[in-house]
């Protein structure tokens, strides 16, 4: 059990290129059905985010809200 509630994440460069302002401190991503990669040797888990998992991106300054089309 992880008491921090934190998990590592890998985000596709295509997603970052589409929503550059949403990848800053204070931003949020709404995701669905995100694959989790488990590295058994270290018992670590990683989220793998591509365009298929991203529903909506929220930039820190509420003026920028991105919807996937």
C-alpha atoms as a PDB file:
ATOM      1  CA  UNK A   1       0.000   0.000   0.000  1.00  0.00           C
ATOM      2  CA  UNK A   2       1.229   3.481  -0.921  1.00  0.00           C
ATOM      3  CA  UNK A   3       0.307   6.052   1.764  1.00  0.00           C
ATOM      4  CA  UNK A   4       1.314   8.995  -0.495  1.00  0.00           C
ATOM      5  CA  UNK A   5      -1.280   8.356  -3.184  1.00  0.00           C
ATOM      6  CA  UNK A   6       1.407   9.159  -5.776  1.00  0.00           C
ATOM      7  CA  UNK A   7       2.175   7.207  -8.925  1.00  0.00           C
ATOM      8  CA  UNK A   8       4.680   7.746 -11.714  1.00  0.00           C
ATOM      9  CA  UNK A   9       3.356   8.582 -15.142  1.00  0.00           C
ATOM     10  CA  UNK A  10       4.595   8.454 -18.712  1.00  0.00           C
ATOM     11  CA  UNK A  11       2.836  10.844 -21.101  1.00  0.00           C
ATOM     12  CA  UNK A  12       3.088  10.510 -24.869  1.00  0.00           C
ATOM     13  CA  UNK A  13       4.952  13.385 -26.519  1.00  0.00           C
ATOM     14  CA  UNK A  14       1.960  13.764 -28.866  1.00  0.00           C
ATOM     15  CA  UNK A  15      -0.282  14.600 -25.911  1.00  0.00           C
ATOM     16  CA  UNK A  16       2.189  17.170 -24.580  1.00  0.00           C
ATOM     17  CA  UNK A  17       2.471  18.754 -28.046  1.00  0.00           C
ATOM     18  CA  UNK A  18      -1.336  19.026 -28.347  1.00  0.00           C
ATOM     19  CA  UNK A  19      -1.862  20.548 -24.879  1.00  0.00           C
ATOM     20  CA  UNK A  20       1.381  22.338 -23.895  1.00  0.00           C
ATOM     21  CA  UNK A  21      -0.267  24.726 -21.406  1.00  0.00           C
ATOM     22  CA  UNK A  22      -1.836  21.807 -19.551  1.00  0.00           C
ATOM     23  CA  UNK A  23       1.541  20.440 -18.508  1.00  0.00           C
ATOM     24  CA  UNK A  24       2.462  22.922 -15.804  1.00  0.00           C
ATOM     25  CA  UNK A  25       2.213  23.000 -12.047  1.00  0.00           C
ATOM     26  CA  UNK A  26      -1.426  23.250 -11.048  1.00  0.00           C
ATOM     27  CA  UNK A  27      -2.828  21.681 -14.221  1.00  0.00           C
ATOM     28  CA  UNK A  28      -5.156  18.678 -14.213  1.00  0.00           C
ATOM     29  CA  UNK A  29      -5.939  15.891 -16.652  1.00  0.00           C
ATOM     30  CA  UNK A  30      -9.180  13.952 -16.887  1.00  0.00           C
ATOM     31  CA  UNK A  31      -8.284  10.419 -17.982  1.00  0.00           C
ATOM     32  CA  UNK A  32     -10.149   7.191 -18.696  1.00  0.00           C
ATOM     33  CA  UNK A  33      -9.112   3.550 -18.871  1.00  0.00           C
ATOM     34  CA  UNK A  34      -5.424   4.320 -18.321  1.00  0.00           C
ATOM     35  CA  UNK A  35      -3.121   1.307 -18.673  1.00  0.00           C
ATOM     36  CA  UNK A  36      -0.915   0.662 -15.665  1.00  0.00           C
ATOM     37  CA  UNK A  37       2.514  -0.832 -16.272  1.00  0.00           C
ATOM     38  CA  UNK A  38       3.849  -2.819 -13.339  1.00  0.00           C
ATOM     39  CA  UNK A  39       7.577  -3.418 -13.069  1.00  0.00           C
ATOM     40  CA  UNK A  40       7.610  -6.599 -11.018  1.00  0.00           C
ATOM     41  CA  UNK A  41      11.305  -6.413 -10.206  1.00  0.00           C
ATOM     42  CA  UNK A  42      10.762  -3.165  -8.293  1.00  0.00           C
ATOM     43  CA  UNK A  43       7.013  -3.500  -7.615  1.00  0.00           C
ATOM     44  CA  UNK A  44       6.492  -0.026  -9.059  1.00  0.00           C
ATOM     45  CA  UNK A  45       3.509   1.063 -11.112  1.00  0.00           C
ATOM     46  CA  UNK A  46       3.433   3.596 -13.962  1.00  0.00           C
ATOM     47  CA  UNK A  47       0.501   5.180 -15.754  1.00  0.00           C
ATOM     48  CA  UNK A  48       0.860   5.220 -19.544  1.00  0.00           C
ATOM     49  CA  UNK A  49      -1.052   8.191 -21.004  1.00  0.00           C
ATOM     50  CA  UNK A  50      -1.695   8.560 -24.742  1.00  0.00           C
ATOM     51  CA  UNK A  51      -4.312  10.507 -26.679  1.00  0.00           C
ATOM     52  CA  UNK A  52      -6.744   7.614 -26.233  1.00  0.00           C
ATOM     53  CA  UNK A  53      -6.849   8.026 -22.448  1.00  0.00           C
ATOM     54  CA  UNK A  54      -7.065  11.828 -22.305  1.00  0.00           C
ATOM     55  CA  UNK A  55     -10.624  13.144 -22.075  1.00  0.00           C
ATOM     56  CA  UNK A  56      -9.944  16.718 -21.013  1.00  0.00           C
ATOM     57  CA  UNK A  57      -6.987  18.864 -19.979  1.00  0.00           C
ATOM     58  CA  UNK A  58      -7.210  21.837 -17.619  1.00  0.00           C
ATOM     59  CA  UNK A  59      -4.457  24.459 -17.631  1.00  0.00           C
ATOM     60  CA  UNK A  60      -3.635  26.146 -14.288  1.00  0.00           C
ATOM     61  CA  UNK A  61      -5.225  29.432 -15.372  1.00  0.00           C
ATOM     62  CA  UNK A  62      -8.873  28.396 -15.762  1.00  0.00           C
ATOM     63  CA  UNK A  63      -9.054  30.281 -19.089  1.00  0.00           C
ATOM     64  CA  UNK A  64      -7.564  27.314 -20.938  1.00  0.00           C
ATOM     65  CA  UNK A  65      -9.689  24.194 -20.947  1.00  0.00           C
ATOM     66  CA  UNK A  66      -9.054  21.663 -23.680  1.00  0.00           C
ATOM     67  CA  UNK A  67     -11.579  19.147 -24.959  1.00  0.00           C
ATOM     68  CA  UNK A  68     -10.627  16.180 -27.056  1.00  0.00           C
ATOM     69  CA  UNK A  69     -12.419  16.291 -30.394  1.00  0.00           C
END
